[in-house]
Amino acid sequence: MTTSPETPEKTATELVSPETTEATEAKPAPTYSYVKLAMRNMVRKKWQSLRHFSLTVIGLLAVLIGLSYLTKP
Protein backbone atom coordinates (compact mmCIF):
# COMPACT_ATOMS: atom_id res chain seq x y z
CA MET A 1 0.00 0.00 0.00
CA THR A 2 1.52 3.27 -1.07
CA THR A 3 0.49 6.64 0.22
CA SER A 4 0.93 9.87 -1.57
CA PRO A 5 2.39 12.86 0.26
CA GLU A 6 -0.91 14.69 -0.23
CA THR A 7 -2.90 12.16 1.83
CA PRO A 8 -0.86 11.03 4.83
CA GLU A 9 -2.16 8.12 6.88
CA LYS A 10 -3.88 9.09 10.07
CA THR A 11 -3.04 7.42 13.34
CA ALA A 12 -5.67 5.90 15.57
CA THR A 13 -5.70 8.91 17.87
CA GLU A 14 -6.26 11.27 14.97
CA LEU A 15 -9.20 9.24 13.68
CA VAL A 16 -11.11 9.67 16.95
CA SER A 17 -12.50 13.13 17.26
CA PRO A 18 -12.83 14.85 20.66
CA GLU A 19 -16.61 14.93 20.30
CA THR A 20 -16.87 11.16 20.07
CA THR A 21 -14.58 10.51 23.04
CA GLU A 22 -16.55 12.91 25.22
CA ALA A 23 -19.82 11.29 24.19
CA THR A 24 -18.58 7.79 25.00
CA GLU A 25 -17.07 8.84 28.33
CA ALA A 26 -20.26 10.61 29.41
CA LYS A 27 -22.38 7.52 28.75
CA PRO A 28 -22.94 5.45 31.91
CA ALA A 29 -22.15 1.77 31.82
CA PRO A 30 -25.18 -0.32 30.82
CA THR A 31 -26.87 -2.06 33.71
CA TYR A 32 -27.96 -5.58 32.88
CA SER A 33 -30.78 -7.41 34.58
CA TYR A 34 -30.10 -10.43 36.74
CA VAL A 35 -31.79 -12.71 34.20
CA LYS A 36 -29.64 -11.43 31.32
CA LEU A 37 -26.44 -11.95 33.32
CA ALA A 38 -27.56 -15.44 34.36
CA MET A 39 -28.33 -16.38 30.77
CA ARG A 40 -24.94 -15.08 29.65
CA ASN A 41 -23.21 -17.17 32.33
CA MET A 42 -25.20 -20.26 31.34
CA VAL A 43 -24.05 -19.89 27.75
CA ARG A 44 -20.48 -19.22 28.77
CA LYS A 45 -20.26 -22.09 31.28
CA LYS A 46 -22.41 -24.60 29.45
CA TRP A 47 -21.24 -27.87 31.03
CA GLN A 48 -21.29 -26.55 34.58
CA SER A 49 -24.84 -25.28 34.09
CA LEU A 50 -25.98 -28.62 32.65
CA ARG A 51 -24.37 -30.49 35.51
CA HIS A 52 -26.06 -28.29 38.13
CA PHE A 53 -29.41 -28.59 36.35
CA SER A 54 -29.17 -32.39 36.20
CA LEU A 55 -28.18 -32.59 39.88
CA THR A 56 -31.15 -30.41 40.78
CA VAL A 57 -33.55 -32.60 38.79
CA ILE A 58 -32.16 -35.80 40.32
CA GLY A 59 -32.35 -34.32 43.82
CA LEU A 60 -35.93 -33.13 43.34
CA LEU A 61 -37.00 -36.51 41.98
CA ALA A 62 -35.30 -38.26 44.92
CA VAL A 63 -37.16 -36.05 47.41
CA LEU A 64 -40.52 -36.60 45.70
CA ILE A 65 -40.05 -40.38 45.44
CA GLY A 66 -38.84 -40.52 49.05
CA LEU A 67 -41.89 -38.58 50.24
CA SER A 68 -44.21 -40.81 48.24
CA TYR A 69 -42.77 -43.93 49.93
CA LEU A 70 -42.93 -42.34 53.39
CA THR A 71 -46.56 -41.25 53.02
CA LYS A 72 -47.73 -44.53 51.43
CA PRO A 73 -50.43 -46.20 53.60
PDB file of N, CA and C in Angstrom:
ATOM      1  N   MET A   1       0.842  -1.167   0.000  1.00  0.00           N
ATOM      2  CA  MET A   1       0.000   0.000   0.000  1.00  0.00           C
ATOM      3  C   MET A   1       0.890   1.235   0.000  1.00  0.00           C
ATOM      4  N   THR A   2       0.715   2.048  -0.985  1.00  0.00           N
ATOM      5  CA  THR A   2       1.520   3.266  -1.073  1.00  0.00           C
ATOM      6  C   THR A   2       0.655   4.465  -0.769  1.00  0.00           C
ATOM      7  N   THR A   3       1.231   5.411  -0.098  1.00  0.00           N
ATOM      8  CA  THR A   3       0.491   6.636   0.217  1.00  0.00           C
ATOM      9  C   THR A   3       1.172   7.804  -0.468  1.00  0.00           C
ATOM     10  N   SER A   4       0.369   8.684  -0.942  1.00  0.00           N
ATOM     11  CA  SER A   4       0.933   9.870  -1.571  1.00  0.00           C
ATOM     12  C   SER A   4       1.194  10.920  -0.501  1.00  0.00           C
ATOM     13  N   PRO A   5       2.100  11.837  -0.742  1.00  0.00           N
ATOM     14  CA  PRO A   5       2.395  12.861   0.258  1.00  0.00           C
ATOM     15  C   PRO A   5       1.202  13.779   0.522  1.00  0.00           C
ATOM     16  N   GLU A   6       0.260  13.828  -0.419  1.00  0.00           N
ATOM     17  CA  GLU A   6      -0.906  14.694  -0.225  1.00  0.00           C
ATOM     18  C   GLU A   6      -1.873  14.122   0.813  1.00  0.00           C
ATOM     19  N   THR A   7      -1.967  12.790   0.894  1.00  0.00           N
ATOM     20  CA  THR A   7      -2.901  12.160   1.832  1.00  0.00           C
ATOM     21  C   THR A   7      -2.128  11.287   2.805  1.00  0.00           C
ATOM     22  N   PRO A   8      -1.587  11.844   3.856  1.00  0.00           N
ATOM     23  CA  PRO A   8      -0.857  11.026   4.832  1.00  0.00           C
ATOM     24  C   PRO A   8      -1.829  10.149   5.623  1.00  0.00           C
ATOM     25  N   GLU A   9      -1.324   9.012   6.066  1.00  0.00           N
ATOM     26  CA  GLU A   9      -2.161   8.119   6.876  1.00  0.00           C
ATOM     27  C   GLU A   9      -2.373   8.732   8.244  1.00  0.00           C
ATOM     28  N   LYS A  10      -3.569   8.563   8.745  1.00  0.00           N
ATOM     29  CA  LYS A  10      -3.882   9.089  10.074  1.00  0.00           C
ATOM     30  C   LYS A  10      -3.673   7.986  11.102  1.00  0.00           C
ATOM     31  N   THR A  11      -3.205   8.382  12.259  1.00  0.00           N
ATOM     32  CA  THR A  11      -3.036   7.421  13.336  1.00  0.00           C
ATOM     33  C   THR A  11      -4.376   7.206  14.015  1.00  0.00           C
ATOM     34  N   ALA A  12      -4.421   6.227  14.893  1.00  0.00           N
ATOM     35  CA  ALA A  12      -5.670   5.897  15.570  1.00  0.00           C
ATOM     36  C   ALA A  12      -6.167   7.063  16.428  1.00  0.00           C
ATOM     37  N   THR A  13      -5.265   7.802  17.026  1.00  0.00           N
ATOM     38  CA  THR A  13      -5.698   8.914  17.871  1.00  0.00           C
ATOM     39  C   THR A  13      -6.239  10.071  17.046  1.00  0.00           C
ATOM     40  N   GLU A  14      -5.751  10.205  15.827  1.00  0.00           N
ATOM     41  CA  GLU A  14      -6.256  11.275  14.972  1.00  0.00           C
ATOM     42  C   GLU A  14      -7.613  10.941  14.395  1.00  0.00           C
ATOM     43  N   LEU A  15      -7.917   9.645  14.252  1.00  0.00           N
ATOM     44  CA  LEU A  15      -9.196   9.243  13.684  1.00  0.00           C
ATOM     45  C   LEU A  15     -10.345   9.482  14.653  1.00  0.00           C
ATOM     46  N   VAL A  16     -10.067   9.463  15.944  1.00  0.00           N
ATOM     47  CA  VAL A  16     -11.106   9.665  16.947  1.00  0.00           C
ATOM     48  C   VAL A  16     -11.191  11.153  17.248  1.00  0.00           C
ATOM     49  N   SER A  17     -12.344  11.702  17.006  1.00  0.00           N
ATOM     50  CA  SER A  17     -12.502  13.132  17.260  1.00  0.00           C
ATOM     51  C   SER A  17     -12.810  13.372  18.736  1.00  0.00           C
ATOM     52  N   PRO A  18     -12.548  14.567  19.244  1.00  0.00           N
ATOM     53  CA  PRO A  18     -12.828  14.853  20.661  1.00  0.00           C
ATOM     54  C   PRO A  18     -14.309  14.743  20.991  1.00  0.00           C
ATOM     55  N   GLU A  19     -15.177  15.014  20.020  1.00  0.00           N
ATOM     56  CA  GLU A  19     -16.613  14.927  20.298  1.00  0.00           C
ATOM     57  C   GLU A  19     -17.038  13.495  20.591  1.00  0.00           C
ATOM     58  N   THR A  20     -16.470  12.546  19.857  1.00  0.00           N
ATOM     59  CA  THR A  20     -16.870  11.163  20.067  1.00  0.00           C
ATOM     60  C   THR A  20     -16.318  10.612  21.380  1.00  0.00           C
ATOM     61  N   THR A  21     -15.116  11.019  21.773  1.00  0.00           N
ATOM     62  CA  THR A  21     -14.579  10.511  23.040  1.00  0.00           C
ATOM     63  C   THR A  21     -15.356  11.086  24.219  1.00  0.00           C
ATOM     64  N   GLU A  22     -15.768  12.327  24.135  1.00  0.00           N
ATOM     65  CA  GLU A  22     -16.553  12.907  25.223  1.00  0.00           C
ATOM     66  C   GLU A  22     -17.915  12.247  25.316  1.00  0.00           C
ATOM     67  N   ALA A  23     -18.505  11.924  24.183  1.00  0.00           N
ATOM     68  CA  ALA A  23     -19.820  11.290  24.190  1.00  0.00           C
ATOM     69  C   ALA A  23     -19.748   9.886  24.773  1.00  0.00           C
ATOM     70  N   THR A  24     -18.681   9.144  24.467  1.00  0.00           N
ATOM     71  CA  THR A  24     -18.581   7.792  25.004  1.00  0.00           C
ATOM     72  C   THR A  24     -18.203   7.806  26.481  1.00  0.00           C
ATOM     73  N   GLU A  25     -17.434   8.778  26.916  1.00  0.00           N
ATOM     74  CA  GLU A  25     -17.070   8.838  28.329  1.00  0.00           C
ATOM     75  C   GLU A  25     -18.241   9.294  29.186  1.00  0.00           C
ATOM     76  N   ALA A  26     -19.130  10.105  28.640  1.00  0.00           N
ATOM     77  CA  ALA A  26     -20.255  10.610  29.414  1.00  0.00           C
ATOM     78  C   ALA A  26     -21.342   9.559  29.572  1.00  0.00           C
ATOM     79  N   LYS A  27     -21.355   8.557  28.694  1.00  0.00           N
ATOM     80  CA  LYS A  27     -22.380   7.523  28.754  1.00  0.00           C
ATOM     81  C   LYS A  27     -22.137   6.621  29.959  1.00  0.00           C
ATOM     82  N   PRO A  28     -23.154   6.369  30.785  1.00  0.00           N
ATOM     83  CA  PRO A  28     -22.944   5.450  31.908  1.00  0.00           C
ATOM     84  C   PRO A  28     -22.873   4.013  31.397  1.00  0.00           C
ATOM     85  N   ALA A  29     -22.259   3.179  32.185  1.00  0.00           N
ATOM     86  CA  ALA A  29     -22.148   1.772  31.818  1.00  0.00           C
ATOM     87  C   ALA A  29     -23.539   1.148  31.821  1.00  0.00           C
ATOM     88  N   PRO A  30     -23.841   0.283  30.868  1.00  0.00           N
ATOM     89  CA  PRO A  30     -25.178  -0.320  30.823  1.00  0.00           C
ATOM     90  C   PRO A  30     -25.378  -1.244  32.016  1.00  0.00           C
ATOM     91  N   THR A  31     -26.544  -1.178  32.597  1.00  0.00           N
ATOM     92  CA  THR A  31     -26.872  -2.064  33.715  1.00  0.00           C
ATOM     93  C   THR A  31     -27.727  -3.198  33.176  1.00  0.00           C
ATOM     94  N   TYR A  32     -27.264  -4.409  33.385  1.00  0.00           N
ATOM     95  CA  TYR A  32     -27.964  -5.578  32.881  1.00  0.00           C
ATOM     96  C   TYR A  32     -28.827  -6.162  33.983  1.00  0.00           C
ATOM     97  N   SER A  33     -29.919  -6.772  33.602  1.00  0.00           N
ATOM     98  CA  SER A  33     -30.784  -7.409  34.579  1.00  0.00           C
ATOM     99  C   SER A  33     -30.136  -8.705  35.062  1.00  0.00           C
ATOM    100  N   TYR A  34     -30.622  -9.198  36.177  1.00  0.00           N
ATOM    101  CA  TYR A  34     -30.097 -10.430  36.740  1.00  0.00           C
ATOM    102  C   TYR A  34     -30.317 -11.592  35.781  1.00  0.00           C
ATOM    103  N   VAL A  35     -31.474 -11.617  35.116  1.00  0.00           N
ATOM    104  CA  VAL A  35     -31.789 -12.708  34.198  1.00  0.00           C
ATOM    105  C   VAL A  35     -30.834 -12.702  33.008  1.00  0.00           C
ATOM    106  N   LYS A  36     -30.541 -11.519  32.470  1.00  0.00           N
ATOM    107  CA  LYS A  36     -29.644 -11.434  31.322  1.00  0.00           C
ATOM    108  C   LYS A  36     -28.234 -11.890  31.696  1.00  0.00           C
ATOM    109  N   LEU A  37     -27.763 -11.509  32.876  1.00  0.00           N
ATOM    110  CA  LEU A  37     -26.440 -11.950  33.318  1.00  0.00           C
ATOM    111  C   LEU A  37     -26.417 -13.457  33.563  1.00  0.00           C
ATOM    112  N   ALA A  38     -27.498 -13.996  34.119  1.00  0.00           N
ATOM    113  CA  ALA A  38     -27.564 -15.437  34.364  1.00  0.00           C
ATOM    114  C   ALA A  38     -27.568 -16.213  33.053  1.00  0.00           C
ATOM    115  N   MET A  39     -28.308 -15.713  32.067  1.00  0.00           N
ATOM    116  CA  MET A  39     -28.332 -16.382  30.767  1.00  0.00           C
ATOM    117  C   MET A  39     -26.955 -16.328  30.103  1.00  0.00           C
ATOM    118  N   ARG A  40     -26.279 -15.201  30.231  1.00  0.00           N
ATOM    119  CA  ARG A  40     -24.940 -15.077  29.650  1.00  0.00           C
ATOM    120  C   ARG A  40     -23.981 -16.065  30.307  1.00  0.00           C
ATOM    121  N   ASN A  41     -24.072 -16.220  31.628  1.00  0.00           N
ATOM    122  CA  ASN A  41     -23.211 -17.175  32.330  1.00  0.00           C
ATOM    123  C   ASN A  41     -23.537 -18.605  31.943  1.00  0.00           C
ATOM    124  N   MET A  42     -24.832 -18.903  31.726  1.00  0.00           N
ATOM    125  CA  MET A  42     -25.197 -20.264  31.344  1.00  0.00           C
ATOM    126  C   MET A  42     -24.656 -20.607  29.965  1.00  0.00           C
ATOM    127  N   VAL A  43     -24.620 -19.640  29.074  1.00  0.00           N
ATOM    128  CA  VAL A  43     -24.055 -19.892  27.747  1.00  0.00           C
ATOM    129  C   VAL A  43     -22.541 -20.024  27.842  1.00  0.00           C
ATOM    130  N   ARG A  44     -21.932 -19.207  28.652  1.00  0.00           N
ATOM    131  CA  ARG A  44     -20.476 -19.217  28.771  1.00  0.00           C
ATOM    132  C   ARG A  44     -19.974 -20.473  29.473  1.00  0.00           C
ATOM    133  N   LYS A  45     -20.675 -20.917  30.506  1.00  0.00           N
ATOM    134  CA  LYS A  45     -20.259 -22.094  31.283  1.00  0.00           C
ATOM    135  C   LYS A  45     -21.279 -23.201  31.075  1.00  0.00           C
ATOM    136  N   LYS A  46     -21.359 -23.679  29.845  1.00  0.00           N
ATOM    137  CA  LYS A  46     -22.410 -24.603  29.447  1.00  0.00           C
ATOM    138  C   LYS A  46     -22.412 -25.892  30.262  1.00  0.00           C
ATOM    139  N   TRP A  47     -21.270 -26.556  30.377  1.00  0.00           N
ATOM    140  CA  TRP A  47     -21.244 -27.866  31.029  1.00  0.00           C
ATOM    141  C   TRP A  47     -21.495 -27.763  32.521  1.00  0.00           C
ATOM    142  N   GLN A  48     -21.029 -26.715  33.151  1.00  0.00           N
ATOM    143  CA  GLN A  48     -21.290 -26.549  34.582  1.00  0.00           C
ATOM    144  C   GLN A  48     -22.774 -26.311  34.811  1.00  0.00           C
ATOM    145  N   SER A  49     -23.416 -25.534  33.958  1.00  0.00           N
ATOM    146  CA  SER A  49     -24.841 -25.279  34.089  1.00  0.00           C
ATOM    147  C   SER A  49     -25.647 -26.552  33.882  1.00  0.00           C
ATOM    148  N   LEU A  50     -25.265 -27.362  32.890  1.00  0.00           N
ATOM    149  CA  LEU A  50     -25.980 -28.617  32.650  1.00  0.00           C
ATOM    150  C   LEU A  50     -25.802 -29.587  33.811  1.00  0.00           C
ATOM    151  N   ARG A  51     -24.609 -29.613  34.373  1.00  0.00           N
ATOM    152  CA  ARG A  51     -24.372 -30.495  35.513  1.00  0.00           C
ATOM    153  C   ARG A  51     -25.205 -30.073  36.719  1.00  0.00           C
ATOM    154  N   HIS A  52     -25.257 -28.773  36.999  1.00  0.00           N
ATOM    155  CA  HIS A  52     -26.063 -28.287  38.127  1.00  0.00           C
ATOM    156  C   HIS A  52     -27.551 -28.535  37.891  1.00  0.00           C
ATOM    157  N   PHE A  53     -28.005 -28.346  36.656  1.00  0.00           N
ATOM    158  CA  PHE A  53     -29.407 -28.592  36.348  1.00  0.00           C
ATOM    159  C   PHE A  53     -29.754 -30.061  36.537  1.00  0.00           C
ATOM    160  N   SER A  54     -28.883 -30.960  36.058  1.00  0.00           N
ATOM    161  CA  SER A  54     -29.171 -32.390  36.203  1.00  0.00           C
ATOM    162  C   SER A  54     -29.130 -32.813  37.671  1.00  0.00           C
ATOM    163  N   LEU A  55     -28.210 -32.269  38.444  1.00  0.00           N
ATOM    164  CA  LEU A  55     -28.181 -32.593  39.876  1.00  0.00           C
ATOM    165  C   LEU A  55     -29.431 -32.094  40.587  1.00  0.00           C
ATOM    166  N   THR A  56     -29.935 -30.938  40.184  1.00  0.00           N
ATOM    167  CA  THR A  56     -31.152 -30.410  40.778  1.00  0.00           C
ATOM    168  C   THR A  56     -32.344 -31.291  40.450  1.00  0.00           C
ATOM    169  N   VAL A  57     -32.438 -31.729  39.197  1.00  0.00           N
ATOM    170  CA  VAL A  57     -33.549 -32.600  38.787  1.00  0.00           C
ATOM    171  C   VAL A  57     -33.485 -33.927  39.524  1.00  0.00           C
ATOM    172  N   ILE A  58     -32.308 -34.522  39.621  1.00  0.00           N
ATOM    173  CA  ILE A  58     -32.155 -35.804  40.319  1.00  0.00           C
ATOM    174  C   ILE A  58     -32.499 -35.643  41.803  1.00  0.00           C
ATOM    175  N   GLY A  59     -32.038 -34.552  42.413  1.00  0.00           N
ATOM    176  CA  GLY A  59     -32.347 -34.317  43.821  1.00  0.00           C
ATOM    177  C   GLY A  59     -33.832 -34.112  44.065  1.00  0.00           C
ATOM    178  N   LEU A  60     -34.481 -33.371  43.190  1.00  0.00           N
ATOM    179  CA  LEU A  60     -35.926 -33.129  43.336  1.00  0.00           C
ATOM    180  C   LEU A  60     -36.716 -34.419  43.156  1.00  0.00           C
ATOM    181  N   LEU A  61     -36.331 -35.222  42.169  1.00  0.00           N
ATOM    182  CA  LEU A  61     -37.005 -36.511  41.982  1.00  0.00           C
ATOM    183  C   LEU A  61     -36.779 -37.430  43.185  1.00  0.00           C
ATOM    184  N   ALA A  62     -35.585 -37.427  43.749  1.00  0.00           N
ATOM    185  CA  ALA A  62     -35.301 -38.259  44.921  1.00  0.00           C
ATOM    186  C   ALA A  62     -36.167 -37.839  46.105  1.00  0.00           C
ATOM    187  N   VAL A  63     -36.324 -36.535  46.304  1.00  0.00           N
ATOM    188  CA  VAL A  63     -37.163 -36.046  47.405  1.00  0.00           C
ATOM    189  C   VAL A  63     -38.616 -36.438  47.177  1.00  0.00           C
ATOM    190  N   LEU A  64     -39.124 -36.262  45.974  1.00  0.00           N
ATOM    191  CA  LEU A  64     -40.525 -36.600  45.700  1.00  0.00           C
ATOM    192  C   LEU A  64     -40.784 -38.098  45.821  1.00  0.00           C
ATOM    193  N   ILE A  65     -39.872 -38.918  45.320  1.00  0.00           N
ATOM    194  CA  ILE A  65     -40.051 -40.377  45.435  1.00  0.00           C
ATOM    195  C   ILE A  65     -39.926 -40.800  46.895  1.00  0.00           C
ATOM    196  N   GLY A  66     -38.981 -40.207  47.630  1.00  0.00           N
ATOM    197  CA  GLY A  66     -38.841 -40.518  49.052  1.00  0.00           C
ATOM    198  C   GLY A  66     -40.083 -40.135  49.845  1.00  0.00           C
ATOM    199  N   LEU A  67     -40.668 -38.970  49.556  1.00  0.00           N
ATOM    200  CA  LEU A  67     -41.895 -38.577  50.241  1.00  0.00           C
ATOM    201  C   LEU A  67     -43.064 -39.484  49.867  1.00  0.00           C
ATOM    202  N   SER A  68     -43.111 -39.941  48.638  1.00  0.00           N
ATOM    203  CA  SER A  68     -44.207 -40.806  48.243  1.00  0.00           C
ATOM    204  C   SER A  68     -44.114 -42.161  48.963  1.00  0.00           C
ATOM    205  N   TYR A  69     -42.912 -42.676  49.185  1.00  0.00           N
ATOM    206  CA  TYR A  69     -42.767 -43.932  49.930  1.00  0.00           C
ATOM    207  C   TYR A  69     -43.059 -43.730  51.411  1.00  0.00           C
ATOM    208  N   LEU A  70     -42.692 -42.578  51.961  1.00  0.00           N
ATOM    209  CA  LEU A  70     -42.935 -42.341  53.386  1.00  0.00           C
ATOM    210  C   LEU A  70     -44.410 -42.127  53.694  1.00  0.00           C
ATOM    211  N   THR A  71     -45.135 -41.565  52.772  1.00  0.00           N
ATOM    212  CA  THR A  71     -46.557 -41.253  53.018  1.00  0.00           C
ATOM    213  C   THR A  71     -47.474 -42.350  52.463  1.00  0.00           C
ATOM    214  N   LYS A  72     -46.927 -43.458  51.979  1.00  0.00           N
ATOM    215  CA  LYS A  72     -47.730 -44.535  51.434  1.00  0.00           C
ATOM    216  C   LYS A  72     -48.409 -45.278  52.594  1.00  0.00           C
ATOM    217  N   PRO A  73     -49.731 -45.514  52.484  1.00  0.00           N
ATOM    218  CA  PRO A  73     -50.432 -46.204  53.600  1.00  0.00           C
ATOM    219  C   PRO A  73     -50.146 -47.676  53.702  1.00  0.00           C
TER     220      PRO A  73
END
